[in-house]
Amino acid sequence: MGAIKVHEFTTVDGVVDVPMWTMDFGFPDDLAASIGVLTGSSTGILLGRTTFEMFAPAWSTRTVEDDPGAPFFNDTRKHVVSSTLTDAESVWRNSTVVGGYDANRIRALKDEADGDLYVSGSATLVRALLADGLVDELHLYVYPVAVGTGIRLFPEGTAQTLALLGVESLSNGVAHLTYGPAAG
């Protein structure tokens, strides 16, 4: 049985929408290593349709020479949660559509996994996973910038209690906060 480990780039005001604002902070070795720990234990990737459609063209043609993360993203089995997408394999190899969001289906994927399931972005999916108690680790990479508008992981009206599992300060000013389910 694997764990579901979520990775989100976010601003201090909670925006996770298309994180182009990360570019100004670079991608230093300690950030790469931190994310590498998450992907290193993962044998599957779980993505929502929108993130899948953004990742597929960006990652599918990359090689290890372009980006050390390319083999993970291209060679690892990708599970796409979508009620509208019917064919993921022709878009990006090793991709399967699992259908619309169903907590029991996600639990089954988690139970059958021989490693962890890695989730990146996919805010709508992550909200549902959190609401259903399916996220084992929520890794927030908080960038020292507020953008004011955009999709937030926790939109207004969302209540969620989490337990702090770890804090890491990265060389580019980013805080890596790790949360897990609250006790009790």
N, C-alpha and C. Protein backbone atom coordinates (compact mmCIF):
# COMPACT_ATOMS: atom_id res chain seq x y z
N MET A 1 0.84 -1.18 0.00
CA MET A 1 0.00 0.00 0.00
C MET A 1 0.88 1.24 0.00
N GLY A 2 0.56 2.16 -0.87
CA GLY A 2 1.33 3.38 -0.97
C GLY A 2 0.66 4.55 -0.27
N ALA A 3 1.37 5.64 -0.23
CA ALA A 3 0.86 6.89 0.32
C ALA A 3 0.59 7.84 -0.83
N ILE A 4 -0.32 8.76 -0.62
CA ILE A 4 -0.54 9.83 -1.60
C ILE A 4 0.20 11.05 -1.09
N LYS A 5 1.17 11.49 -1.89
CA LYS A 5 2.00 12.64 -1.55
C LYS A 5 1.76 13.74 -2.58
N VAL A 6 1.26 14.86 -2.08
CA VAL A 6 0.90 15.99 -2.93
C VAL A 6 1.99 17.05 -2.86
N HIS A 7 2.32 17.60 -4.01
CA HIS A 7 3.31 18.68 -4.13
C HIS A 7 2.61 19.87 -4.78
N GLU A 8 2.63 21.02 -4.11
CA GLU A 8 2.04 22.24 -4.65
C GLU A 8 3.02 23.39 -4.51
N PHE A 9 3.18 24.14 -5.58
CA PHE A 9 3.85 25.43 -5.49
C PHE A 9 2.76 26.44 -5.17
N THR A 10 2.97 27.27 -4.15
CA THR A 10 1.95 28.23 -3.74
C THR A 10 2.59 29.55 -3.35
N THR A 11 1.80 30.59 -3.40
CA THR A 11 2.25 31.91 -2.95
C THR A 11 1.89 32.04 -1.47
N VAL A 12 2.40 33.08 -0.82
CA VAL A 12 2.04 33.28 0.59
C VAL A 12 0.56 33.58 0.75
N ASP A 13 -0.10 34.06 -0.31
CA ASP A 13 -1.54 34.28 -0.21
C ASP A 13 -2.35 33.09 -0.75
N GLY A 14 -1.70 31.95 -0.92
CA GLY A 14 -2.40 30.70 -1.19
C GLY A 14 -2.74 30.38 -2.63
N VAL A 15 -2.22 31.13 -3.59
CA VAL A 15 -2.52 30.89 -5.00
C VAL A 15 -1.65 29.75 -5.53
N VAL A 16 -2.30 28.78 -6.18
CA VAL A 16 -1.59 27.65 -6.78
C VAL A 16 -1.77 27.60 -8.29
N ASP A 17 -2.47 28.57 -8.83
CA ASP A 17 -2.84 28.62 -10.24
C ASP A 17 -1.64 28.89 -11.13
N VAL A 18 -1.37 28.04 -12.10
CA VAL A 18 -0.32 28.18 -13.11
C VAL A 18 0.87 28.98 -12.54
N PRO A 19 1.73 28.32 -11.79
CA PRO A 19 2.76 29.03 -11.02
C PRO A 19 3.93 29.59 -11.83
N MET A 20 3.64 30.47 -12.76
CA MET A 20 4.72 31.11 -13.53
C MET A 20 5.56 32.02 -12.65
N TRP A 21 5.02 32.47 -11.53
CA TRP A 21 5.74 33.33 -10.59
C TRP A 21 6.93 32.62 -9.95
N THR A 22 7.03 31.30 -10.10
CA THR A 22 8.18 30.58 -9.54
C THR A 22 9.46 30.87 -10.32
N MET A 23 9.32 31.26 -11.57
CA MET A 23 10.48 31.47 -12.45
C MET A 23 11.48 32.47 -11.88
N ASP A 24 11.00 33.49 -11.21
CA ASP A 24 11.89 34.52 -10.65
C ASP A 24 12.78 33.98 -9.53
N PHE A 25 12.46 32.80 -9.01
CA PHE A 25 13.19 32.25 -7.87
C PHE A 25 14.11 31.10 -8.26
N GLY A 26 14.14 30.75 -9.53
CA GLY A 26 15.01 29.69 -10.01
C GLY A 26 14.60 28.32 -9.49
N PHE A 27 15.43 27.34 -9.81
CA PHE A 27 15.19 25.96 -9.38
C PHE A 27 16.50 25.41 -8.84
N PRO A 28 16.89 25.88 -7.62
CA PRO A 28 18.19 25.48 -7.07
C PRO A 28 18.24 24.00 -6.71
N ASP A 29 19.45 23.52 -6.49
CA ASP A 29 19.68 22.10 -6.20
C ASP A 29 18.90 21.61 -4.99
N ASP A 30 18.77 22.44 -3.94
CA ASP A 30 18.06 21.96 -2.76
C ASP A 30 16.57 21.80 -3.02
N LEU A 31 15.99 22.62 -3.91
CA LEU A 31 14.59 22.45 -4.30
C LEU A 31 14.43 21.17 -5.12
N ALA A 32 15.34 20.97 -6.06
CA ALA A 32 15.31 19.75 -6.88
C ALA A 32 15.44 18.51 -6.00
N ALA A 33 16.32 18.56 -5.02
CA ALA A 33 16.51 17.41 -4.13
C ALA A 33 15.27 17.16 -3.28
N SER A 34 14.64 18.22 -2.82
CA SER A 34 13.43 18.09 -2.00
C SER A 34 12.31 17.42 -2.79
N ILE A 35 12.10 17.85 -4.00
CA ILE A 35 11.07 17.24 -4.85
C ILE A 35 11.50 15.83 -5.26
N GLY A 36 12.80 15.63 -5.45
CA GLY A 36 13.32 14.32 -5.79
C GLY A 36 13.02 13.27 -4.72
N VAL A 37 12.97 13.68 -3.47
CA VAL A 37 12.61 12.75 -2.40
C VAL A 37 11.17 12.27 -2.60
N LEU A 38 10.29 13.18 -2.99
CA LEU A 38 8.88 12.81 -3.23
C LEU A 38 8.75 11.88 -4.42
N THR A 39 9.39 12.23 -5.51
CA THR A 39 9.26 11.40 -6.71
C THR A 39 10.02 10.08 -6.55
N GLY A 40 11.07 10.09 -5.76
CA GLY A 40 11.89 8.89 -5.59
C GLY A 40 11.16 7.72 -4.96
N SER A 41 10.17 8.00 -4.11
CA SER A 41 9.42 6.93 -3.47
C SER A 41 8.15 6.59 -4.23
N SER A 42 7.90 7.29 -5.32
CA SER A 42 6.64 7.14 -6.05
C SER A 42 6.76 6.20 -7.24
N THR A 43 5.77 5.35 -7.37
CA THR A 43 5.70 4.44 -8.51
C THR A 43 4.52 4.78 -9.41
N GLY A 44 3.80 5.83 -9.05
CA GLY A 44 2.67 6.28 -9.86
C GLY A 44 2.47 7.77 -9.69
N ILE A 45 1.85 8.36 -10.71
CA ILE A 45 1.51 9.78 -10.69
C ILE A 45 0.01 9.87 -10.82
N LEU A 46 -0.60 10.69 -9.99
CA LEU A 46 -2.04 10.91 -10.02
C LEU A 46 -2.27 12.37 -10.38
N LEU A 47 -3.00 12.60 -11.48
CA LEU A 47 -3.20 13.97 -11.97
C LEU A 47 -4.66 14.21 -12.32
N GLY A 48 -5.09 15.44 -12.15
CA GLY A 48 -6.38 15.87 -12.68
C GLY A 48 -6.21 16.15 -14.16
N ARG A 49 -7.32 16.24 -14.88
CA ARG A 49 -7.28 16.45 -16.32
C ARG A 49 -6.54 17.72 -16.73
N THR A 50 -6.84 18.83 -16.08
CA THR A 50 -6.23 20.10 -16.48
C THR A 50 -4.71 20.06 -16.33
N THR A 51 -4.24 19.55 -15.22
CA THR A 51 -2.78 19.45 -15.02
C THR A 51 -2.18 18.46 -16.00
N PHE A 52 -2.86 17.34 -16.22
CA PHE A 52 -2.38 16.38 -17.22
C PHE A 52 -2.23 17.06 -18.58
N GLU A 53 -3.21 17.83 -18.98
CA GLU A 53 -3.16 18.49 -20.29
C GLU A 53 -2.10 19.57 -20.35
N MET A 54 -1.68 20.11 -19.22
CA MET A 54 -0.57 21.07 -19.20
C MET A 54 0.77 20.34 -19.16
N PHE A 55 0.84 19.26 -18.40
CA PHE A 55 2.09 18.52 -18.25
C PHE A 55 2.45 17.73 -19.50
N ALA A 56 1.49 17.11 -20.15
CA ALA A 56 1.77 16.21 -21.27
C ALA A 56 2.63 16.86 -22.35
N PRO A 57 2.26 18.02 -22.89
CA PRO A 57 3.12 18.60 -23.92
C PRO A 57 4.46 19.11 -23.37
N ALA A 58 4.48 19.49 -22.11
CA ALA A 58 5.70 20.03 -21.52
C ALA A 58 6.71 18.93 -21.21
N TRP A 59 6.23 17.77 -20.73
CA TRP A 59 7.15 16.72 -20.29
C TRP A 59 7.38 15.64 -21.33
N SER A 60 6.41 15.34 -22.17
CA SER A 60 6.48 14.16 -23.04
C SER A 60 7.66 14.17 -24.01
N THR A 61 8.17 15.34 -24.36
CA THR A 61 9.29 15.41 -25.29
C THR A 61 10.62 15.67 -24.60
N ARG A 62 10.60 15.87 -23.30
CA ARG A 62 11.84 16.14 -22.56
C ARG A 62 12.62 14.85 -22.34
N THR A 63 13.91 15.02 -22.34
CA THR A 63 14.82 13.90 -22.04
C THR A 63 15.56 14.23 -20.75
N VAL A 64 16.30 13.26 -20.24
CA VAL A 64 17.09 13.49 -19.04
C VAL A 64 18.11 14.61 -19.25
N GLU A 65 18.57 14.78 -20.49
CA GLU A 65 19.50 15.86 -20.79
C GLU A 65 18.82 17.23 -20.64
N ASP A 66 17.53 17.29 -20.96
CA ASP A 66 16.77 18.53 -20.80
C ASP A 66 16.46 18.83 -19.34
N ASP A 67 16.11 17.77 -18.61
CA ASP A 67 15.67 17.91 -17.23
C ASP A 67 15.83 16.57 -16.53
N PRO A 68 16.54 16.53 -15.40
CA PRO A 68 16.73 15.26 -14.69
C PRO A 68 15.41 14.60 -14.26
N GLY A 69 14.33 15.36 -14.17
CA GLY A 69 13.03 14.81 -13.77
C GLY A 69 12.28 14.15 -14.91
N ALA A 70 12.75 14.32 -16.13
CA ALA A 70 12.02 13.80 -17.30
C ALA A 70 11.77 12.29 -17.25
N PRO A 71 12.75 11.47 -16.90
CA PRO A 71 12.47 10.02 -16.87
C PRO A 71 11.34 9.67 -15.90
N PHE A 72 11.31 10.31 -14.73
CA PHE A 72 10.23 10.03 -13.79
C PHE A 72 8.88 10.35 -14.42
N PHE A 73 8.74 11.53 -14.97
CA PHE A 73 7.45 11.94 -15.52
C PHE A 73 7.05 11.13 -16.75
N ASN A 74 8.01 10.74 -17.56
CA ASN A 74 7.68 10.01 -18.79
C ASN A 74 7.54 8.50 -18.59
N ASP A 75 8.33 7.92 -17.70
CA ASP A 75 8.35 6.47 -17.56
C ASP A 75 7.38 5.95 -16.50
N THR A 76 6.96 6.80 -15.61
CA THR A 76 6.08 6.37 -14.51
C THR A 76 4.63 6.32 -14.98
N ARG A 77 3.89 5.33 -14.48
CA ARG A 77 2.46 5.19 -14.80
C ARG A 77 1.71 6.41 -14.27
N LYS A 78 0.93 7.03 -15.16
CA LYS A 78 0.14 8.20 -14.80
C LYS A 78 -1.34 7.81 -14.79
N HIS A 79 -2.03 8.15 -13.71
CA HIS A 79 -3.46 7.91 -13.54
C HIS A 79 -4.14 9.27 -13.63
N VAL A 80 -5.01 9.45 -14.63
CA VAL A 80 -5.64 10.74 -14.86
C VAL A 80 -7.10 10.67 -14.41
N VAL A 81 -7.45 11.54 -13.48
CA VAL A 81 -8.81 11.60 -12.98
C VAL A 81 -9.58 12.60 -13.86
N SER A 82 -10.53 12.08 -14.62
CA SER A 82 -11.31 12.93 -15.53
C SER A 82 -12.60 12.23 -15.93
N SER A 83 -13.67 13.00 -15.95
CA SER A 83 -14.94 12.46 -16.44
C SER A 83 -15.15 12.80 -17.91
N THR A 84 -14.24 13.59 -18.48
CA THR A 84 -14.40 13.99 -19.88
C THR A 84 -13.32 13.44 -20.81
N LEU A 85 -12.12 13.22 -20.31
CA LEU A 85 -11.04 12.69 -21.12
C LEU A 85 -11.24 11.19 -21.30
N THR A 86 -11.08 10.71 -22.51
CA THR A 86 -11.28 9.28 -22.76
C THR A 86 -9.99 8.55 -23.11
N ASP A 87 -9.01 9.26 -23.68
CA ASP A 87 -7.78 8.61 -24.11
C ASP A 87 -6.59 9.44 -23.66
N ALA A 88 -5.85 8.94 -22.69
CA ALA A 88 -4.66 9.64 -22.22
C ALA A 88 -3.39 9.06 -22.83
N GLU A 89 -3.41 7.76 -23.12
CA GLU A 89 -2.21 7.07 -23.61
C GLU A 89 -1.71 7.65 -24.93
N SER A 90 -2.60 8.05 -25.82
CA SER A 90 -2.17 8.60 -27.10
C SER A 90 -1.59 10.01 -26.94
N VAL A 91 -1.88 10.64 -25.82
CA VAL A 91 -1.37 11.99 -25.54
C VAL A 91 -0.01 11.93 -24.87
N TRP A 92 0.14 10.98 -23.94
CA TRP A 92 1.37 10.87 -23.17
C TRP A 92 1.52 9.42 -22.72
N ARG A 93 2.59 8.78 -23.12
CA ARG A 93 2.75 7.35 -22.85
C ARG A 93 2.66 7.06 -21.35
N ASN A 94 2.25 5.83 -21.05
CA ASN A 94 2.08 5.36 -19.68
C ASN A 94 0.98 6.10 -18.93
N SER A 95 -0.03 6.56 -19.65
CA SER A 95 -1.13 7.30 -19.04
C SER A 95 -2.45 6.57 -19.22
N THR A 96 -3.23 6.54 -18.15
CA THR A 96 -4.53 5.88 -18.16
C THR A 96 -5.56 6.79 -17.52
N VAL A 97 -6.73 6.88 -18.12
CA VAL A 97 -7.84 7.63 -17.53
C VAL A 97 -8.55 6.70 -16.56
N VAL A 98 -8.73 7.15 -15.31
CA VAL A 98 -9.40 6.33 -14.31
C VAL A 98 -10.87 6.71 -14.14
N GLY A 99 -11.33 7.69 -14.91
CA GLY A 99 -12.71 8.15 -14.82
C GLY A 99 -12.82 9.35 -13.91
N GLY A 100 -14.07 9.78 -13.70
CA GLY A 100 -14.31 10.92 -12.82
C GLY A 100 -13.91 10.60 -11.40
N TYR A 101 -13.81 11.63 -10.58
CA TYR A 101 -13.36 11.45 -9.21
C TYR A 101 -14.30 10.51 -8.46
N ASP A 102 -13.69 9.52 -7.84
CA ASP A 102 -14.40 8.56 -7.00
C ASP A 102 -13.43 8.16 -5.89
N ALA A 103 -13.75 8.54 -4.66
CA ALA A 103 -12.86 8.29 -3.53
C ALA A 103 -12.52 6.81 -3.40
N ASN A 104 -13.48 5.94 -3.63
CA ASN A 104 -13.21 4.50 -3.52
C ASN A 104 -12.24 4.02 -4.59
N ARG A 105 -12.34 4.56 -5.78
CA ARG A 105 -11.41 4.19 -6.85
C ARG A 105 -9.99 4.65 -6.50
N ILE A 106 -9.89 5.86 -5.93
CA ILE A 106 -8.57 6.38 -5.53
C ILE A 106 -8.01 5.54 -4.38
N ARG A 107 -8.84 5.16 -3.42
CA ARG A 107 -8.40 4.28 -2.33
C ARG A 107 -7.86 2.96 -2.89
N ALA A 108 -8.55 2.42 -3.89
CA ALA A 108 -8.11 1.16 -4.50
C ALA A 108 -6.75 1.34 -5.17
N LEU A 109 -6.56 2.44 -5.89
CA LEU A 109 -5.25 2.72 -6.52
C LEU A 109 -4.17 2.79 -5.44
N LYS A 110 -4.46 3.47 -4.36
CA LYS A 110 -3.52 3.63 -3.25
C LYS A 110 -3.21 2.27 -2.63
N ASP A 111 -4.24 1.46 -2.40
CA ASP A 111 -4.06 0.14 -1.79
C ASP A 111 -3.27 -0.80 -2.68
N GLU A 112 -3.45 -0.69 -3.99
CA GLU A 112 -2.78 -1.57 -4.94
C GLU A 112 -1.36 -1.13 -5.27
N ALA A 113 -1.02 0.11 -4.93
CA ALA A 113 0.28 0.67 -5.31
C ALA A 113 1.42 -0.04 -4.58
N ASP A 114 2.50 -0.27 -5.30
CA ASP A 114 3.69 -0.85 -4.68
C ASP A 114 4.69 0.24 -4.28
N GLY A 115 4.24 1.46 -4.32
CA GLY A 115 4.99 2.63 -3.90
C GLY A 115 4.00 3.76 -3.72
N ASP A 116 4.51 4.95 -3.59
CA ASP A 116 3.64 6.10 -3.37
C ASP A 116 3.04 6.61 -4.67
N LEU A 117 1.96 7.36 -4.54
CA LEU A 117 1.35 8.07 -5.66
C LEU A 117 1.68 9.55 -5.49
N TYR A 118 2.28 10.13 -6.50
CA TYR A 118 2.72 11.53 -6.49
C TYR A 118 1.68 12.37 -7.21
N VAL A 119 1.30 13.47 -6.57
CA VAL A 119 0.35 14.41 -7.18
C VAL A 119 1.02 15.77 -7.24
N SER A 120 0.97 16.40 -8.41
CA SER A 120 1.50 17.75 -8.56
C SER A 120 0.40 18.61 -9.16
N GLY A 121 0.26 19.83 -8.62
CA GLY A 121 -0.80 20.70 -9.13
C GLY A 121 -2.15 20.08 -8.86
N SER A 122 -3.01 20.06 -9.88
CA SER A 122 -4.30 19.35 -9.79
C SER A 122 -5.13 19.83 -8.61
N ALA A 123 -5.31 21.14 -8.47
CA ALA A 123 -5.97 21.71 -7.29
C ALA A 123 -7.36 21.14 -7.05
N THR A 124 -8.16 20.97 -8.08
CA THR A 124 -9.51 20.44 -7.89
C THR A 124 -9.44 19.02 -7.34
N LEU A 125 -8.58 18.21 -7.91
CA LEU A 125 -8.39 16.84 -7.43
C LEU A 125 -7.88 16.84 -6.00
N VAL A 126 -6.91 17.67 -5.70
CA VAL A 126 -6.31 17.70 -4.36
C VAL A 126 -7.35 18.13 -3.32
N ARG A 127 -8.19 19.09 -3.66
CA ARG A 127 -9.25 19.48 -2.73
C ARG A 127 -10.13 18.29 -2.37
N ALA A 128 -10.50 17.51 -3.38
CA ALA A 128 -11.34 16.33 -3.15
C ALA A 128 -10.59 15.28 -2.33
N LEU A 129 -9.32 15.05 -2.65
CA LEU A 129 -8.52 14.09 -1.89
C LEU A 129 -8.41 14.49 -0.42
N LEU A 130 -8.19 15.77 -0.18
CA LEU A 130 -8.10 16.27 1.19
C LEU A 130 -9.44 16.10 1.92
N ALA A 131 -10.51 16.45 1.25
CA ALA A 131 -11.84 16.34 1.87
C ALA A 131 -12.17 14.90 2.24
N ASP A 132 -11.66 13.95 1.45
CA ASP A 132 -11.93 12.54 1.71
C ASP A 132 -10.85 11.86 2.55
N GLY A 133 -9.91 12.64 3.06
CA GLY A 133 -8.87 12.09 3.93
C GLY A 133 -7.89 11.17 3.23
N LEU A 134 -7.67 11.38 1.94
CA LEU A 134 -6.80 10.50 1.16
C LEU A 134 -5.36 10.99 1.01
N VAL A 135 -5.09 12.21 1.44
CA VAL A 135 -3.73 12.76 1.32
C VAL A 135 -2.93 12.39 2.56
N ASP A 136 -1.83 11.70 2.36
CA ASP A 136 -0.95 11.32 3.47
C ASP A 136 0.06 12.40 3.77
N GLU A 137 0.54 13.07 2.73
CA GLU A 137 1.49 14.16 2.91
C GLU A 137 1.16 15.27 1.91
N LEU A 138 1.02 16.49 2.43
CA LEU A 138 0.79 17.67 1.61
C LEU A 138 2.04 18.53 1.70
N HIS A 139 2.77 18.60 0.59
CA HIS A 139 4.02 19.37 0.53
C HIS A 139 3.74 20.70 -0.15
N LEU A 140 3.75 21.76 0.66
CA LEU A 140 3.52 23.10 0.13
C LEU A 140 4.87 23.80 0.02
N TYR A 141 5.21 24.21 -1.19
CA TYR A 141 6.41 24.99 -1.43
C TYR A 141 5.93 26.43 -1.54
N VAL A 142 6.10 27.19 -0.44
CA VAL A 142 5.52 28.52 -0.33
C VAL A 142 6.55 29.55 -0.80
N TYR A 143 6.20 30.23 -1.89
CA TYR A 143 7.07 31.26 -2.47
C TYR A 143 6.79 32.60 -1.82
N PRO A 144 7.83 33.40 -1.58
CA PRO A 144 7.67 34.67 -0.88
C PRO A 144 7.12 35.77 -1.78
N VAL A 145 5.94 35.52 -2.30
CA VAL A 145 5.29 36.48 -3.19
C VAL A 145 3.78 36.34 -3.00
N ALA A 146 3.09 37.46 -3.06
CA ALA A 146 1.62 37.45 -3.06
C ALA A 146 1.17 37.99 -4.41
N VAL A 147 0.28 37.27 -5.06
CA VAL A 147 -0.16 37.69 -6.39
C VAL A 147 -1.58 38.24 -6.40
N GLY A 148 -2.30 38.05 -5.31
CA GLY A 148 -3.61 38.69 -5.17
C GLY A 148 -4.79 37.96 -5.75
N THR A 149 -4.62 37.34 -6.91
CA THR A 149 -5.74 36.64 -7.53
C THR A 149 -5.26 35.33 -8.12
N GLY A 150 -6.19 34.42 -8.28
CA GLY A 150 -5.88 33.13 -8.87
C GLY A 150 -6.53 32.01 -8.08
N ILE A 151 -6.40 30.81 -8.60
CA ILE A 151 -6.97 29.64 -7.95
C ILE A 151 -6.20 29.34 -6.68
N ARG A 152 -6.94 29.17 -5.60
CA ARG A 152 -6.33 28.84 -4.31
C ARG A 152 -6.62 27.39 -3.97
N LEU A 153 -5.68 26.75 -3.31
CA LEU A 153 -5.89 25.37 -2.89
C LEU A 153 -7.05 25.30 -1.89
N PHE A 154 -7.10 26.27 -1.00
CA PHE A 154 -8.18 26.33 -0.02
C PHE A 154 -8.98 27.61 -0.27
N PRO A 155 -10.00 27.52 -1.13
CA PRO A 155 -10.79 28.71 -1.42
C PRO A 155 -11.60 29.15 -0.20
N GLU A 156 -12.08 30.37 -0.24
CA GLU A 156 -12.87 30.91 0.86
C GLU A 156 -13.99 29.95 1.21
N GLY A 157 -14.17 29.74 2.50
CA GLY A 157 -15.21 28.84 2.97
C GLY A 157 -14.73 27.42 3.23
N THR A 158 -13.48 27.13 2.87
CA THR A 158 -12.92 25.79 3.08
C THR A 158 -12.36 25.70 4.49
N ALA A 159 -12.74 24.66 5.20
CA ALA A 159 -12.18 24.41 6.53
C ALA A 159 -11.39 23.11 6.48
N GLN A 160 -10.18 23.15 6.97
CA GLN A 160 -9.31 21.96 6.94
C GLN A 160 -8.32 22.08 8.09
N THR A 161 -8.16 21.04 8.86
CA THR A 161 -7.16 21.00 9.92
C THR A 161 -6.13 19.96 9.54
N LEU A 162 -4.86 20.35 9.62
CA LEU A 162 -3.76 19.48 9.24
C LEU A 162 -2.73 19.45 10.37
N ALA A 163 -1.85 18.49 10.35
CA ALA A 163 -0.76 18.39 11.31
C ALA A 163 0.55 18.72 10.60
N LEU A 164 1.35 19.58 11.20
CA LEU A 164 2.65 19.93 10.64
C LEU A 164 3.63 18.77 10.85
N LEU A 165 4.20 18.29 9.75
CA LEU A 165 5.15 17.18 9.80
C LEU A 165 6.59 17.64 9.62
N GLY A 166 6.78 18.78 8.93
CA GLY A 166 8.14 19.23 8.69
C GLY A 166 8.21 20.62 8.08
N VAL A 167 9.35 21.27 8.30
CA VAL A 167 9.61 22.60 7.76
C VAL A 167 11.03 22.60 7.21
N GLU A 168 11.18 23.13 6.02
CA GLU A 168 12.50 23.21 5.38
C GLU A 168 12.61 24.58 4.71
N SER A 169 13.71 25.26 4.97
CA SER A 169 13.98 26.54 4.34
C SER A 169 14.92 26.30 3.17
N LEU A 170 14.51 26.71 1.98
CA LEU A 170 15.32 26.48 0.77
C LEU A 170 16.13 27.72 0.42
N SER A 171 17.18 27.51 -0.34
CA SER A 171 18.14 28.58 -0.66
C SER A 171 17.55 29.72 -1.47
N ASN A 172 16.43 29.49 -2.16
CA ASN A 172 15.83 30.56 -2.96
C ASN A 172 14.74 31.33 -2.22
N GLY A 173 14.65 31.14 -0.90
CA GLY A 173 13.67 31.86 -0.10
C GLY A 173 12.33 31.15 0.02
N VAL A 174 12.22 29.97 -0.53
CA VAL A 174 10.99 29.20 -0.49
C VAL A 174 10.95 28.39 0.81
N ALA A 175 9.77 28.35 1.43
CA ALA A 175 9.56 27.51 2.61
C ALA A 175 8.84 26.25 2.17
N HIS A 176 9.41 25.10 2.50
CA HIS A 176 8.78 23.82 2.20
C HIS A 176 8.11 23.35 3.49
N LEU A 177 6.78 23.36 3.48
CA LEU A 177 6.00 22.94 4.63
C LEU A 177 5.36 21.60 4.32
N THR A 178 5.51 20.65 5.21
CA THR A 178 4.92 19.34 5.02
C THR A 178 3.84 19.12 6.07
N TYR A 179 2.64 18.80 5.59
CA TYR A 179 1.51 18.54 6.48
C TYR A 179 0.98 17.14 6.25
N GLY A 180 0.33 16.62 7.26
CA GLY A 180 -0.34 15.34 7.18
C GLY A 180 -1.71 15.48 7.81
N PRO A 181 -2.45 14.38 7.84
CA PRO A 181 -3.77 14.42 8.44
C PRO A 181 -3.67 14.79 9.92
N ALA A 182 -4.63 15.56 10.41
CA ALA A 182 -4.67 15.92 11.83
C ALA A 182 -5.01 14.68 12.64
N ALA A 183 -4.42 14.57 13.79
CA ALA A 183 -4.71 13.44 14.68
C ALA A 183 -6.15 13.53 15.18
N GLY A 184 -6.74 12.37 15.35
CA GLY A 184 -8.06 12.32 15.99
C GLY A 184 -9.15 12.35 15.06
